Amino acid sequence: MSEKIKVLFVCMGNICRSPTAHGVFRKLVRLADVEHLIEVDSAGTHSYHTGKAPDPRAQQAAQARGYDISDLQARRVSAQDCMQFDYVVAMDEENLMKLEELCPEGHEHKLCLLLDFLPDSPLREVPDPYYGGMKGFERVLDLVEEASKGLLMHIVEKHF
C-alpha cells in the first residue's frame, strides 16, 4: 500500500479532546507497529486557540498515562482536510454537525464520532472537560483510550 490511511480527530478548540485523541492514537499506532501505514492529526472547528499547545491539564493527564502531546499545536479544520483524510473523527455531535456543513460533497462518508468505535458505550460523545477539573480530563482519557483501540482495530481490519 503506497498511501497511508489518514485519521483526523476534531473537537472545538483543538486543545483538550482532539489533541488527547491524537496523542493516544499516535501511541497505539506506534505500539502496533503500523506507523508506516497510518497518519494521525487533529484540528478544531473554531480558531480560538490556533497555534497554541494543548491545555496544560490535558497535557498533565496525558503525561500521567504515558502520552506526550506537548508537541501538538492547535489548528482549525478545513474543507481540504475532509478531502485529504480518510477518517474525520469528531468528539461530539455539535462538532460533527460543523464538519457536515464544512465537508465537500462526496466526502461525507469519512465523518464519524469517536465513540462510534466504542459500541458497548451508552455515550455518543466525549464530554468537553475545559470548564471542569482534572476528573474531566481523566474521563476523556478513559473514553479516548477505549474508543481509539476500537478505531485502530477497525482500520486494520478494513484496510490491511
C-alpha atoms as a PDB file:
ATOM      1  CA  MET A   1       0.000   0.000   0.000  1.00  0.00           C
ATOM      2  CA  SER A   2       1.552   3.302  -1.074  1.00  0.00           C
ATOM      3  CA  GLU A   3      -0.871   5.710   0.577  1.00  0.00           C
ATOM      4  CA  LYS A   4      -1.223   5.943   4.329  1.00  0.00           C
ATOM      5  CA  ILE A   5      -4.639   5.866   5.950  1.00  0.00           C
ATOM      6  CA  LYS A   6      -5.067   9.368   7.375  1.00  0.00           C
ATOM      7  CA  VAL A   7      -7.024   9.958  10.592  1.00  0.00           C
ATOM      8  CA  LEU A   8      -8.026  13.422  11.818  1.00  0.00           C
ATOM      9  CA  PHE A   9      -9.504  13.972  15.305  1.00  0.00           C
ATOM     10  CA  VAL A  10     -11.685  17.068  15.697  1.00  0.00           C
ATOM     11  CA  CYS A  11     -13.118  18.944  18.671  1.00  0.00           C
ATOM     12  CA  MET A  12     -13.995  22.601  19.171  1.00  0.00           C
ATOM     13  CA  GLY A  13     -10.729  24.348  20.024  1.00  0.00           C
ATOM     14  CA  ASN A  14      -8.177  21.568  19.423  1.00  0.00           C
ATOM     15  CA  ILE A  15      -6.646  21.975  22.879  1.00  0.00           C
ATOM     16  CA  CYS A  16      -8.351  19.285  25.008  1.00  0.00           C
ATOM     17  CA  ARG A  17     -10.147  16.334  23.446  1.00  0.00           C
ATOM     18  CA  SER A  18      -8.781  16.119  19.907  1.00  0.00           C
ATOM     19  CA  PRO A  19      -5.093  16.510  20.873  1.00  0.00           C
ATOM     20  CA  THR A  20      -5.670  13.903  23.586  1.00  0.00           C
ATOM     21  CA  ALA A  21      -7.119  11.545  20.972  1.00  0.00           C
ATOM     22  CA  HIS A  22      -4.261  12.448  18.612  1.00  0.00           C
ATOM     23  CA  GLY A  23      -1.669  11.537  21.253  1.00  0.00           C
ATOM     24  CA  VAL A  24      -3.394   8.332  22.356  1.00  0.00           C
ATOM     25  CA  PHE A  25      -3.993   7.111  18.800  1.00  0.00           C
ATOM     26  CA  ARG A  26      -0.459   8.045  17.705  1.00  0.00           C
ATOM     27  CA  LYS A  27       0.959   5.894  20.500  1.00  0.00           C
ATOM     28  CA  LEU A  28      -1.377   2.981  19.729  1.00  0.00           C
ATOM     29  CA  VAL A  29      -0.309   3.155  16.079  1.00  0.00           C
ATOM     30  CA  ARG A  30       3.364   3.143  17.119  1.00  0.00           C
ATOM     31  CA  LEU A  31       2.879   0.225  19.541  1.00  0.00           C
ATOM     32  CA  ALA A  32       1.049  -1.746  16.828  1.00  0.00           C
ATOM     33  CA  ASP A  33       3.998  -1.051  14.500  1.00  0.00           C
ATOM     34  CA  VAL A  34       1.790   0.450  11.797  1.00  0.00           C
ATOM     35  CA  GLU A  35       3.252   3.971  11.694  1.00  0.00           C
ATOM     36  CA  HIS A  36       4.203   3.341   8.066  1.00  0.00           C
ATOM     37  CA  LEU A  37       0.509   2.698   7.319  1.00  0.00           C
ATOM     38  CA  ILE A  38      -1.403   5.269   9.394  1.00  0.00           C
ATOM     39  CA  GLU A  39      -1.000   9.050   9.751  1.00  0.00           C
ATOM     40  CA  VAL A  40      -2.603  10.942  12.655  1.00  0.00           C
ATOM     41  CA  ASP A  41      -3.517  14.618  13.107  1.00  0.00           C
ATOM     42  CA  SER A  42      -6.002  16.788  14.985  1.00  0.00           C
ATOM     43  CA  ALA A  43      -7.834  20.074  14.477  1.00  0.00           C
ATOM     44  CA  GLY A  44     -10.650  22.209  15.856  1.00  0.00           C
ATOM     45  CA  THR A  45     -13.835  23.600  14.357  1.00  0.00           C
ATOM     46  CA  HIS A  46     -13.038  27.012  15.875  1.00  0.00           C
ATOM     47  CA  SER A  47      -9.866  29.084  15.686  1.00  0.00           C
ATOM     48  CA  TYR A  48      -9.848  30.311  19.319  1.00  0.00           C
ATOM     49  CA  HIS A  49      -6.516  28.655  20.125  1.00  0.00           C
ATOM     50  CA  THR A  50      -4.744  28.374  16.753  1.00  0.00           C
ATOM     51  CA  GLY A  51      -1.013  27.861  17.217  1.00  0.00           C
ATOM     52  CA  LYS A  52      -1.281  27.078  20.926  1.00  0.00           C
ATOM     53  CA  ALA A  53      -0.206  23.916  22.710  1.00  0.00           C
ATOM     54  CA  PRO A  54      -2.814  21.647  24.289  1.00  0.00           C
ATOM     55  CA  ASP A  55      -4.386  22.752  27.566  1.00  0.00           C
ATOM     56  CA  PRO A  56      -1.891  22.174  30.419  1.00  0.00           C
ATOM     57  CA  ARG A  57      -4.451  19.968  32.188  1.00  0.00           C
ATOM     58  CA  ALA A  58      -4.806  17.799  29.077  1.00  0.00           C
ATOM     59  CA  GLN A  59      -1.022  17.542  28.829  1.00  0.00           C
ATOM     60  CA  GLN A  60      -0.723  16.637  32.511  1.00  0.00           C
ATOM     61  CA  ALA A  61      -3.415  13.952  32.362  1.00  0.00           C
ATOM     62  CA  ALA A  62      -1.971  12.513  29.146  1.00  0.00           C
ATOM     63  CA  GLN A  63       1.591  12.524  30.503  1.00  0.00           C
ATOM     64  CA  ALA A  64       0.472  10.667  33.630  1.00  0.00           C
ATOM     65  CA  ARG A  65      -0.665   7.813  31.337  1.00  0.00           C
ATOM     66  CA  GLY A  66       2.409   7.859  29.123  1.00  0.00           C
ATOM     67  CA  TYR A  67       1.206  10.064  26.262  1.00  0.00           C
ATOM     68  CA  ASP A  68       3.223  13.109  25.264  1.00  0.00           C
ATOM     69  CA  ILE A  69       1.080  15.697  23.493  1.00  0.00           C
ATOM     70  CA  SER A  70       3.317  18.696  24.213  1.00  0.00           C
ATOM     71  CA  ASP A  71       4.488  18.850  20.582  1.00  0.00           C
ATOM     72  CA  LEU A  72       0.991  19.426  19.198  1.00  0.00           C
ATOM     73  CA  GLN A  73      -0.357  22.821  18.112  1.00  0.00           C
ATOM     74  CA  ALA A  74      -3.981  23.795  17.658  1.00  0.00           C
ATOM     75  CA  ARG A  75      -5.228  24.475  14.162  1.00  0.00           C
ATOM     76  CA  ARG A  76      -8.593  24.942  12.524  1.00  0.00           C
ATOM     77  CA  VAL A  77     -10.092  22.192  10.395  1.00  0.00           C
ATOM     78  CA  SER A  78     -10.662  22.985   6.718  1.00  0.00           C
ATOM     79  CA  ALA A  79     -12.700  21.622   3.839  1.00  0.00           C
ATOM     80  CA  GLN A  80      -9.386  20.431   2.396  1.00  0.00           C
ATOM     81  CA  ASP A  81      -8.933  18.218   5.471  1.00  0.00           C
ATOM     82  CA  CYS A  82     -12.199  16.462   4.656  1.00  0.00           C
ATOM     83  CA  MET A  83     -10.817  15.668   1.218  1.00  0.00           C
ATOM     84  CA  GLN A  84      -7.334  14.623   2.364  1.00  0.00           C
ATOM     85  CA  PHE A  85      -8.173  12.495   5.409  1.00  0.00           C
ATOM     86  CA  ASP A  86      -9.782   9.051   5.270  1.00  0.00           C
ATOM     87  CA  TYR A  87     -11.372   9.373   8.733  1.00  0.00           C
ATOM     88  CA  VAL A  88     -12.525  12.698  10.178  1.00  0.00           C
ATOM     89  CA  VAL A  89     -13.406  11.785  13.738  1.00  0.00           C
ATOM     90  CA  ALA A  90     -15.467  14.232  15.808  1.00  0.00           C
ATOM     91  CA  MET A  91     -15.609  14.181  19.588  1.00  0.00           C
ATOM     92  CA  ASP A  92     -19.264  15.227  19.811  1.00  0.00           C
ATOM     93  CA  GLU A  93     -22.456  15.833  17.840  1.00  0.00           C
ATOM     94  CA  GLU A  94     -22.041  19.633  17.686  1.00  0.00           C
ATOM     95  CA  ASN A  95     -18.630  19.379  16.063  1.00  0.00           C
ATOM     96  CA  LEU A  96     -19.852  16.597  13.793  1.00  0.00           C
ATOM     97  CA  MET A  97     -22.594  18.960  12.545  1.00  0.00           C
ATOM     98  CA  LYS A  98     -19.994  21.680  11.915  1.00  0.00           C
ATOM     99  CA  LEU A  99     -17.943  19.170   9.938  1.00  0.00           C
ATOM    100  CA  GLU A 100     -21.021  18.178   7.910  1.00  0.00           C
ATOM    101  CA  GLU A 101     -21.505  21.844   6.965  1.00  0.00           C
ATOM    102  CA  LEU A 102     -17.841  22.219   6.010  1.00  0.00           C
ATOM    103  CA  CYS A 103     -17.289  18.904   4.240  1.00  0.00           C
ATOM    104  CA  PRO A 104     -17.312  18.963   0.425  1.00  0.00           C
ATOM    105  CA  GLU A 105     -19.906  16.808  -1.290  1.00  0.00           C
ATOM    106  CA  GLY A 106     -18.757  13.250  -1.792  1.00  0.00           C
ATOM    107  CA  HIS A 107     -16.613  13.133   1.345  1.00  0.00           C
ATOM    108  CA  GLU A 108     -19.358  12.959   4.000  1.00  0.00           C
ATOM    109  CA  HIS A 109     -18.790   9.199   4.439  1.00  0.00           C
ATOM    110  CA  LYS A 110     -15.469   9.996   6.150  1.00  0.00           C
ATOM    111  CA  LEU A 111     -17.175  11.772   9.065  1.00  0.00           C
ATOM    112  CA  CYS A 112     -17.890   9.882  12.284  1.00  0.00           C
ATOM    113  CA  LEU A 113     -17.921  10.149  16.057  1.00  0.00           C
ATOM    114  CA  LEU A 114     -15.056   8.657  18.049  1.00  0.00           C
ATOM    115  CA  LEU A 115     -17.445   6.805  20.322  1.00  0.00           C
ATOM    116  CA  ASP A 116     -18.885   5.018  17.278  1.00  0.00           C
ATOM    117  CA  PHE A 117     -15.855   2.775  17.832  1.00  0.00           C
ATOM    118  CA  LEU A 118     -16.871   2.011  21.427  1.00  0.00           C
ATOM    119  CA  PRO A 119     -20.009   0.009  20.652  1.00  0.00           C
ATOM    120  CA  ASP A 120     -20.870  -1.018  24.223  1.00  0.00           C
ATOM    121  CA  SER A 121     -20.882   2.552  25.492  1.00  0.00           C
ATOM    122  CA  PRO A 122     -24.192   4.270  26.246  1.00  0.00           C
ATOM    123  CA  LEU A 123     -22.427   7.540  25.419  1.00  0.00           C
ATOM    124  CA  ARG A 124     -22.168   9.003  21.922  1.00  0.00           C
ATOM    125  CA  GLU A 125     -19.975  11.963  22.817  1.00  0.00           C
ATOM    126  CA  VAL A 126     -16.652  12.576  24.518  1.00  0.00           C
ATOM    127  CA  PRO A 127     -17.559  15.313  27.047  1.00  0.00           C
ATOM    128  CA  ASP A 128     -15.673  18.601  26.903  1.00  0.00           C
ATOM    129  CA  PRO A 129     -13.516  18.875  30.065  1.00  0.00           C
ATOM    130  CA  TYR A 130     -12.477  22.506  29.503  1.00  0.00           C
ATOM    131  CA  TYR A 131     -14.603  24.113  32.233  1.00  0.00           C
ATOM    132  CA  GLY A 132     -14.204  21.310  34.756  1.00  0.00           C
ATOM    133  CA  GLY A 133     -11.433  19.878  36.873  1.00  0.00           C
ATOM    134  CA  MET A 134      -8.883  17.126  36.367  1.00  0.00           C
ATOM    135  CA  LYS A 135     -11.510  14.384  36.731  1.00  0.00           C
ATOM    136  CA  GLY A 136     -12.999  15.545  33.430  1.00  0.00           C
ATOM    137  CA  PHE A 137      -9.650  15.116  31.685  1.00  0.00           C
ATOM    138  CA  GLU A 138      -9.274  11.655  33.214  1.00  0.00           C
ATOM    139  CA  ARG A 139     -12.750  10.724  31.942  1.00  0.00           C
ATOM    140  CA  VAL A 140     -11.816  11.949  28.467  1.00  0.00           C
ATOM    141  CA  LEU A 141      -8.729   9.745  28.533  1.00  0.00           C
ATOM    142  CA  ASP A 142     -10.756   6.718  29.651  1.00  0.00           C
ATOM    143  CA  LEU A 143     -13.158   7.123  26.730  1.00  0.00           C
ATOM    144  CA  VAL A 144     -10.493   8.054  24.185  1.00  0.00           C
ATOM    145  CA  GLU A 145      -8.251   5.117  25.088  1.00  0.00           C
ATOM    146  CA  GLU A 146     -11.031   2.560  24.689  1.00  0.00           C
ATOM    147  CA  ALA A 147     -12.552   4.063  21.540  1.00  0.00           C
ATOM    148  CA  SER A 148      -9.116   4.510  19.944  1.00  0.00           C
ATOM    149  CA  LYS A 149      -8.444   0.789  20.322  1.00  0.00           C
ATOM    150  CA  GLY A 150     -11.714   0.126  18.505  1.00  0.00           C
ATOM    151  CA  LEU A 151     -10.872   2.616  15.772  1.00  0.00           C
ATOM    152  CA  LEU A 152      -7.426   1.120  15.230  1.00  0.00           C
ATOM    153  CA  MET A 153      -8.885  -2.388  15.075  1.00  0.00           C
ATOM    154  CA  HIS A 154     -11.496  -1.168  12.558  1.00  0.00           C
ATOM    155  CA  ILE A 155      -8.834   0.437  10.334  1.00  0.00           C
ATOM    156  CA  VAL A 156      -6.522  -2.570  10.432  1.00  0.00           C
ATOM    157  CA  GLU A 157      -9.360  -4.991   9.643  1.00  0.00           C
ATOM    158  CA  LYS A 158     -10.796  -2.827   6.869  1.00  0.00           C
ATOM    159  CA  HIS A 159      -7.622  -1.658   5.151  1.00  0.00           C
ATOM    160  CA  PHE A 160      -4.817  -4.113   5.889  1.00  0.00           C
END
